[in-house]
Protein backbone atom coordinates (compact mmCIF):
# COMPACT_ATOMS: atom_id res chain seq x y z
CA UNK A 1 120.09 111.99 76.36
CA UNK A 2 121.61 108.31 75.29
CA UNK A 3 120.80 105.26 77.17
CA UNK A 4 122.25 101.58 77.61
CA UNK A 5 120.15 99.11 77.55
CA UNK A 6 121.42 96.13 79.04
CA UNK A 7 120.50 92.39 79.71
CA UNK A 8 118.28 93.05 76.98
CA UNK A 9 115.56 90.65 75.72
CA UNK A 10 113.32 90.83 72.93
CA UNK A 11 109.95 91.34 74.84
CA UNK A 12 111.86 94.43 76.17
CA UNK A 13 113.01 96.01 72.73
CA UNK A 14 109.32 95.61 72.00
CA UNK A 15 107.14 97.40 75.15
CA UNK A 16 110.64 100.19 74.96
CA UNK A 17 111.36 100.94 71.03
CA UNK A 18 108.89 102.95 70.13
CA UNK A 19 108.48 105.50 73.66
CA UNK A 20 112.21 105.86 73.88
CA UNK A 21 111.48 106.96 69.69
CA UNK A 22 108.69 109.30 70.86
CA UNK A 23 110.79 110.72 73.78
CA UNK A 24 113.69 111.35 71.53
CA UNK A 25 115.81 109.53 73.50
CA UNK A 26 118.53 107.87 72.06
CA UNK A 27 119.34 104.45 73.24
CA UNK A 28 121.59 100.96 72.52
CA UNK A 29 120.55 97.40 73.69
CA UNK A 30 122.87 94.67 75.14
CA UNK A 31 122.28 91.42 75.11
CA UNK A 32 124.81 91.49 77.84
CA UNK A 33 124.48 91.76 81.58
CA UNK A 34 125.97 95.38 82.45
CA UNK A 35 129.13 93.32 85.35
CA UNK A 36 132.93 94.15 85.70
CA UNK A 37 133.07 93.21 82.59
CA UNK A 38 130.87 94.77 80.55
CA UNK A 39 130.81 97.78 81.57
CA UNK A 40 133.38 99.63 79.70
CA UNK A 41 130.49 99.44 77.37
CA UNK A 42 129.02 102.44 78.61
CA UNK A 43 131.11 104.82 78.13
CA UNK A 44 129.61 108.32 76.47
CA UNK A 45 125.70 107.33 78.05
CA UNK A 46 123.93 109.12 80.45
CA UNK A 47 122.65 106.63 82.18
CA UNK A 48 122.43 102.87 82.33
CA UNK A 49 118.85 101.06 82.51
CA UNK A 50 119.94 96.93 83.65
CA UNK A 51 117.63 94.38 85.18
CA UNK A 52 117.53 92.34 88.44
CA UNK A 53 120.47 89.74 87.28
CA UNK A 54 123.37 92.56 85.99
CA UNK A 55 125.56 92.62 88.82
CA UNK A 56 126.04 96.91 89.78
CA UNK A 57 128.78 96.95 92.34
CA UNK A 58 130.69 99.32 93.97
CA UNK A 59 133.51 98.55 91.04
CA UNK A 60 130.71 99.02 88.64
CA UNK A 61 129.68 102.31 90.64
CA UNK A 62 132.68 103.80 90.11
CA UNK A 63 133.85 102.82 86.63
CA UNK A 64 130.16 103.79 85.37
CA UNK A 65 130.56 107.16 87.40
CA UNK A 66 134.11 108.07 85.64
CA UNK A 67 132.72 106.86 82.10
CA UNK A 68 129.94 109.93 82.99
CA UNK A 69 126.80 108.11 83.56
CA UNK A 70 124.36 109.85 85.24
CA UNK A 71 121.48 107.74 86.99
CA UNK A 72 120.91 103.67 86.75
CA UNK A 73 117.17 102.88 85.97
CA UNK A 74 115.97 99.30 86.77
CA UNK A 75 113.46 98.45 84.59
CA UNK A 76 111.78 96.60 87.73
CA UNK A 77 111.15 96.79 92.11
CA UNK A 78 113.77 94.80 93.64
CA UNK A 79 117.05 97.18 93.73
CA UNK A 80 119.74 94.04 95.90
CA UNK A 81 121.88 93.85 93.17
CA UNK A 82 123.10 98.12 93.50
CA UNK A 83 124.71 98.81 95.67
CA UNK A 84 122.57 101.89 96.76
CA UNK A 85 126.48 102.98 99.34
CA UNK A 86 128.73 103.09 96.60
CA UNK A 87 126.57 104.78 94.70
CA UNK A 88 125.69 108.02 96.98
CA UNK A 89 126.31 111.05 96.16
CA UNK A 90 127.88 109.89 92.59
CA UNK A 91 125.11 107.82 90.61
CA UNK A 92 121.32 108.32 90.92
CA UNK A 93 118.95 104.75 91.19
CA UNK A 94 115.77 105.18 90.20
CA UNK A 95 113.07 102.09 90.13
CA UNK A 96 109.76 100.40 89.21
CA UNK A 97 107.92 100.42 92.49
CA UNK A 98 104.95 98.88 90.76
CA UNK A 99 104.28 97.61 87.32
CA UNK A 100 102.19 94.40 87.84
CA UNK A 101 101.57 93.34 91.24
CA UNK A 102 98.97 91.12 89.82
CA UNK A 103 101.09 89.38 87.81
CA UNK A 104 103.48 88.50 90.07
CA UNK A 105 100.42 87.38 92.86
CA UNK A 106 98.49 85.47 89.80
CA UNK A 107 101.62 83.60 88.91
CA UNK A 108 102.53 82.55 92.71
CA UNK A 109 99.19 81.00 92.87
CA UNK A 110 99.38 79.28 89.35
CA UNK A 111 102.71 77.74 90.29
CA UNK A 112 100.81 76.30 93.00
CA UNK A 113 97.55 75.38 91.60
CA UNK A 114 99.61 74.27 88.88
CA UNK A 115 102.10 71.83 91.47
CA UNK A 116 99.14 71.21 93.82
CA UNK A 117 96.76 69.39 90.93
CA UNK A 118 99.21 67.80 89.14
CA UNK A 119 98.44 69.58 86.30
CA UNK A 120 101.64 69.68 84.29
CA UNK A 121 102.14 65.85 84.63
CA UNK A 122 98.29 65.74 83.43
CA UNK A 123 98.77 67.69 80.81
CA UNK A 124 102.24 65.50 79.59
CA UNK A 125 100.75 62.10 79.87
CA UNK A 126 97.50 62.87 77.96
CA UNK A 127 100.40 64.19 74.84
CA UNK A 128 101.14 60.86 75.54
CA UNK A 129 97.58 59.00 75.61
CA UNK A 130 97.73 58.23 79.22
CA UNK A 131 95.18 59.22 80.67
CA UNK A 132 95.44 57.49 84.22
CA UNK A 133 94.99 59.45 86.84
CA UNK A 134 97.32 57.55 88.98
CA UNK A 135 99.36 59.51 90.96
CA UNK A 136 98.03 62.96 90.62
CA UNK A 137 95.73 63.31 93.21
CA UNK A 138 96.11 66.90 94.88
CA UNK A 139 94.55 68.39 98.06
CA UNK A 140 91.57 71.17 98.51
CA UNK A 141 92.49 74.48 99.32
CA UNK A 142 89.89 75.55 100.63
CA UNK A 143 90.66 75.58 105.19
CA UNK A 144 94.00 75.66 104.46
CA UNK A 145 96.31 77.78 106.70
CA UNK A 146 98.32 79.87 104.06
CA UNK A 147 101.55 81.69 105.52
CA UNK A 148 102.74 85.05 103.64
CA UNK A 149 105.85 86.81 104.12
CA UNK A 150 105.38 90.22 102.97
CA UNK A 151 102.11 92.60 103.05
CA UNK A 152 103.35 94.86 100.02
CA UNK A 153 101.27 95.34 97.20
CA UNK A 154 101.94 91.58 96.07
CA UNK A 155 101.38 89.99 98.98
CA UNK A 156 98.71 91.37 99.72
CA UNK A 157 97.03 90.63 96.47
CA UNK A 158 98.49 86.98 96.65
CA UNK A 159 96.34 87.48 100.08
CA UNK A 160 93.13 88.55 98.26
CA UNK A 161 93.26 85.92 96.13
CA UNK A 162 93.78 83.41 98.82
CA UNK A 163 90.81 84.62 100.37
CA UNK A 164 89.07 83.75 97.32
CA UNK A 165 89.93 80.04 97.30
CA UNK A 166 88.35 80.05 100.74
CA UNK A 167 91.94 79.92 102.42
CA UNK A 168 92.31 80.65 105.83
CA UNK A 169 95.11 83.49 105.67
CA UNK A 170 98.11 84.86 108.12
CA UNK A 171 100.98 86.89 107.69
CA UNK A 172 104.12 87.95 109.08
CA UNK A 173 105.63 91.52 108.07
CA UNK A 174 108.78 93.53 109.51
CA UNK A 175 106.38 96.58 109.24
CA UNK A 176 103.25 95.56 109.47
CA UNK A 177 99.98 97.68 107.94
CA UNK A 178 98.35 99.33 109.77
CA UNK A 179 94.37 99.10 110.31
CA UNK A 180 94.31 96.62 107.56
CA UNK A 181 92.72 93.30 108.57
CA UNK A 182 95.72 91.35 107.55
CA UNK A 183 95.94 88.37 110.26
CA UNK A 184 99.60 89.27 111.56
CA UNK A 185 101.24 86.12 113.59
CA UNK A 186 105.06 85.85 114.96
CA UNK A 187 107.53 84.25 112.11
CA UNK A 188 107.55 81.25 114.33
CA UNK A 189 103.87 80.92 114.24
CA UNK A 190 103.56 81.56 110.87
CA UNK A 191 106.85 78.54 109.97
CA UNK A 192 104.27 76.24 112.61
CA UNK A 193 100.50 76.67 111.56
CA UNK A 194 101.12 77.07 107.80
CA UNK A 195 100.07 74.62 105.47
CA UNK A 196 101.33 76.76 102.36
CA UNK A 197 103.94 79.50 102.84
CA UNK A 198 104.32 82.32 100.27
CA UNK A 199 107.35 84.53 100.23
CA UNK A 200 106.64 88.51 98.99
CA UNK A 201 109.11 90.32 100.38
CA UNK A 202 112.25 91.56 99.81
CA UNK A 203 115.93 90.62 100.03
CA UNK A 204 117.38 92.02 102.52
CA UNK A 205 119.91 91.63 105.18
CA UNK A 206 117.18 90.67 107.60
CA UNK A 207 115.53 88.98 105.00
CA UNK A 208 117.98 86.83 103.46
CA UNK A 209 117.49 82.69 104.16
CA UNK A 210 114.27 83.75 105.79
CA UNK A 211 114.09 79.95 105.14
CA UNK A 212 116.67 77.78 106.41
CA UNK A 213 117.29 74.44 107.94
CA UNK A 214 115.61 75.74 111.30
CA UNK A 215 113.02 77.66 109.47
CA UNK A 216 112.02 74.56 107.56
CA UNK A 217 112.39 72.23 111.43
CA UNK A 218 109.85 74.35 112.86
CA UNK A 219 107.09 73.53 109.65
CA UNK A 220 104.12 71.59 109.83
CA UNK A 221 105.17 68.42 107.27
CA UNK A 222 104.05 67.74 103.63
CA UNK A 223 104.26 71.95 103.68
CA UNK A 224 104.84 73.74 100.05
CA UNK A 225 107.31 76.75 99.80
CA UNK A 226 105.90 79.12 96.90
CA UNK A 227 108.90 81.17 95.99
CA UNK A 228 107.85 84.44 93.37
CA UNK A 229 110.83 87.36 94.83
CA UNK A 230 113.89 86.68 95.31
CA UNK A 231 116.03 83.90 95.36
CA UNK A 232 118.28 84.86 98.11
CA UNK A 233 115.48 84.00 100.49
CA UNK A 234 115.48 80.95 100.65
CA UNK A 235 118.49 78.62 101.29
CA UNK A 236 118.65 76.75 98.72
CA UNK A 237 120.61 73.76 100.17
CA UNK A 238 118.17 73.52 103.66
CA UNK A 239 115.46 74.05 100.53
CA UNK A 240 116.91 70.71 98.96
CA UNK A 241 117.81 68.60 102.51
CA UNK A 242 113.88 69.55 103.63
CA UNK A 243 112.54 67.92 100.64
CA UNK A 244 114.61 64.90 100.79
CA UNK A 245 114.19 64.54 104.47
CA UNK A 246 110.03 64.44 103.57
CA UNK A 247 109.83 67.61 105.72
CA UNK A 248 108.86 69.98 102.13
CA UNK A 249 106.38 68.30 100.48
CA UNK A 250 105.85 71.05 97.53
CA UNK A 251 108.48 74.08 96.17
CA UNK A 252 107.13 76.38 93.72
CA UNK A 253 109.85 78.61 92.47
CA UNK A 254 110.06 81.42 90.22
CA UNK A 255 113.35 82.63 91.30
CA UNK A 256 116.94 81.04 92.89
CA UNK A 257 119.60 82.53 94.65
CA UNK A 258 122.27 81.55 91.95
CA UNK A 259 120.06 82.21 88.82
CA UNK A 260 121.92 85.45 87.40
CA UNK A 261 123.88 82.90 84.93
CA UNK A 262 120.85 80.83 83.87
CA UNK A 263 117.68 82.47 83.92
CA UNK A 264 116.38 84.22 80.95
CA UNK A 265 119.17 82.30 79.13
CA UNK A 266 118.80 78.99 76.75
CA UNK A 267 121.10 76.48 78.71
CA UNK A 268 119.85 73.27 76.64
CA UNK A 269 122.85 72.49 75.28
CA UNK A 270 124.86 73.12 78.07
CA UNK A 271 126.36 71.05 80.70
CA UNK A 272 124.88 72.73 83.94
CA UNK A 273 127.21 72.78 87.11
CA UNK A 274 124.87 73.81 89.55
CA UNK A 275 124.24 70.38 91.33
CA UNK A 276 121.55 71.97 93.97
CA UNK A 277 119.47 73.27 90.95
CA UNK A 278 119.53 70.34 89.04
CA UNK A 279 118.97 67.85 91.60
CA UNK A 280 115.61 70.53 92.72
CA UNK A 281 114.99 70.10 89.02
CA UNK A 282 115.06 65.91 89.22
CA UNK A 283 112.80 66.34 92.25
CA UNK A 284 109.17 65.10 91.16
CA UNK A 285 107.31 67.79 94.03
CA UNK A 286 109.07 70.54 92.33
CA UNK A 287 108.01 73.13 89.91
CA UNK A 288 110.51 75.79 88.73
CA UNK A 289 109.75 78.18 85.89
CA UNK A 290 112.29 80.51 84.43
CA UNK A 291 112.35 84.32 86.94
CA UNK A 292 108.77 85.07 84.22
CA UNK A 293 105.98 86.53 86.86
CA UNK A 294 106.62 89.38 86.16
CA UNK A 295 105.89 88.79 82.41
CA UNK A 296 102.56 89.71 81.21
CA UNK A 297 101.46 92.12 78.62
CA UNK A 298 100.25 95.00 81.12
CA UNK A 299 103.41 94.58 83.53
CA UNK A 300 106.21 94.94 80.12
CA UNK A 301 103.82 98.42 79.12
CA UNK A 302 103.68 99.43 82.85
CA UNK A 303 107.74 99.08 83.31
CA UNK A 304 108.22 100.94 80.13
CA UNK A 305 106.28 103.88 80.54
CA UNK A 306 107.76 104.41 84.36
CA UNK A 307 111.06 103.76 83.75
CA UNK A 308 111.01 106.54 80.31
CA UNK A 309 109.22 109.02 82.70
CA UNK A 310 112.00 108.17 85.18
CA UNK A 311 114.79 109.30 82.69
CA UNK A 312 112.74 111.83 81.39
CA UNK A 313 111.45 113.30 84.80
CA UNK A 314 115.70 112.74 85.63
CA UNK A 315 117.01 114.86 82.95
CA UNK A 316 114.94 117.44 83.18
CA UNK A 317 115.82 118.16 86.47
CA UNK A 318 111.99 117.78 88.18
CA UNK A 319 112.48 117.39 91.46
CA UNK A 320 109.32 114.30 91.89
CA UNK A 321 112.26 111.85 93.24
CA UNK A 322 108.94 109.52 94.39
CA UNK A 323 111.31 106.64 92.60
CA UNK A 324 114.88 107.46 93.25
CA UNK A 325 116.85 104.55 96.36
CA UNK A 326 119.55 105.42 97.89
CA UNK A 327 120.83 103.88 101.52
CA UNK A 328 118.92 106.16 103.51
CA UNK A 329 116.20 106.41 102.26
CA UNK A 330 113.51 106.24 104.70
CA UNK A 331 115.79 106.21 107.11
CA UNK A 332 116.92 110.08 107.73
CA UNK A 333 115.13 112.76 109.28
CA UNK A 334 116.20 115.20 106.92
CA UNK A 335 116.09 112.43 103.68
CA UNK A 336 115.69 114.46 101.07
CA UNK A 337 112.87 113.43 99.56
CA UNK A 338 111.02 115.16 101.94
CA UNK A 339 112.25 118.37 100.56
CA UNK A 340 110.52 116.14 97.17
CA UNK A 341 113.92 116.88 95.70
CA UNK A 342 116.80 113.98 94.47
CA UNK A 343 118.07 112.50 96.67
CA UNK A 344 121.79 114.15 96.45
């Protein structure tokens, strides 16, 4: 099997190289992202391995199919960047549903702790021998109400972390967990009652811009918002206005809805055209990291092993399709997965 890897960085190559050699998988690493401009590079490959900002549109899928590509292997959990409807019947799509939920949940709390206690500001001051404490006052987490949107594996781990700080946890999910001790409330109630709101849900038509001017209007003055999931969950213009209106007190972002051409790249020598991101970065109460929540040694190892396992199972025609995704998954009475088979 020959696999083309796109949007690869040094840490991707380090985590995959030994495994693919052991399994006799021939690979070629491309630094560029997979999109309509680069899809021509896939000619002669059996599969492609992609990441969160590769754009797998209908046009790209048609080209992949014409080039003989049989499968798309996502080295991530999210698949909102793949047109699953266009892929069905042509190209199989596999993902890594749980590489390290701890990594993402821990990063979400790290962002909030850093911002709340002004650790990043204190670090810079001390390096300049400025030992003043003015402007570094934070808030206790104990007793505060945190609203968690999305109670999958990452959301539940984040809930446990919050409980460890003595926080009161409320949650919202389109599909609440049965027989759990999670205190589910309506979405409006979560917005109204939370001191801190953390997003841990996938990006779907139902969750796109779940944080917007209307939801912000319901929130407490000084609310903190954390997003380590997908940038499109937040309407960035509305978020920025909420900060300017002094309604939102703290923002911690590891994702941004227009991050595709920015995150994972060194843009330090370039002029930034995205005025919304520029303003967010300039805000003293906004802390942004560039989609690094997943980036732990354990997560990279799990991503590599699961992705390679997906490749081997697919090309050896094993029926196990646990990690295959398609637009029908979970919605059809006669879904192929229920018969322990590939989706088509």
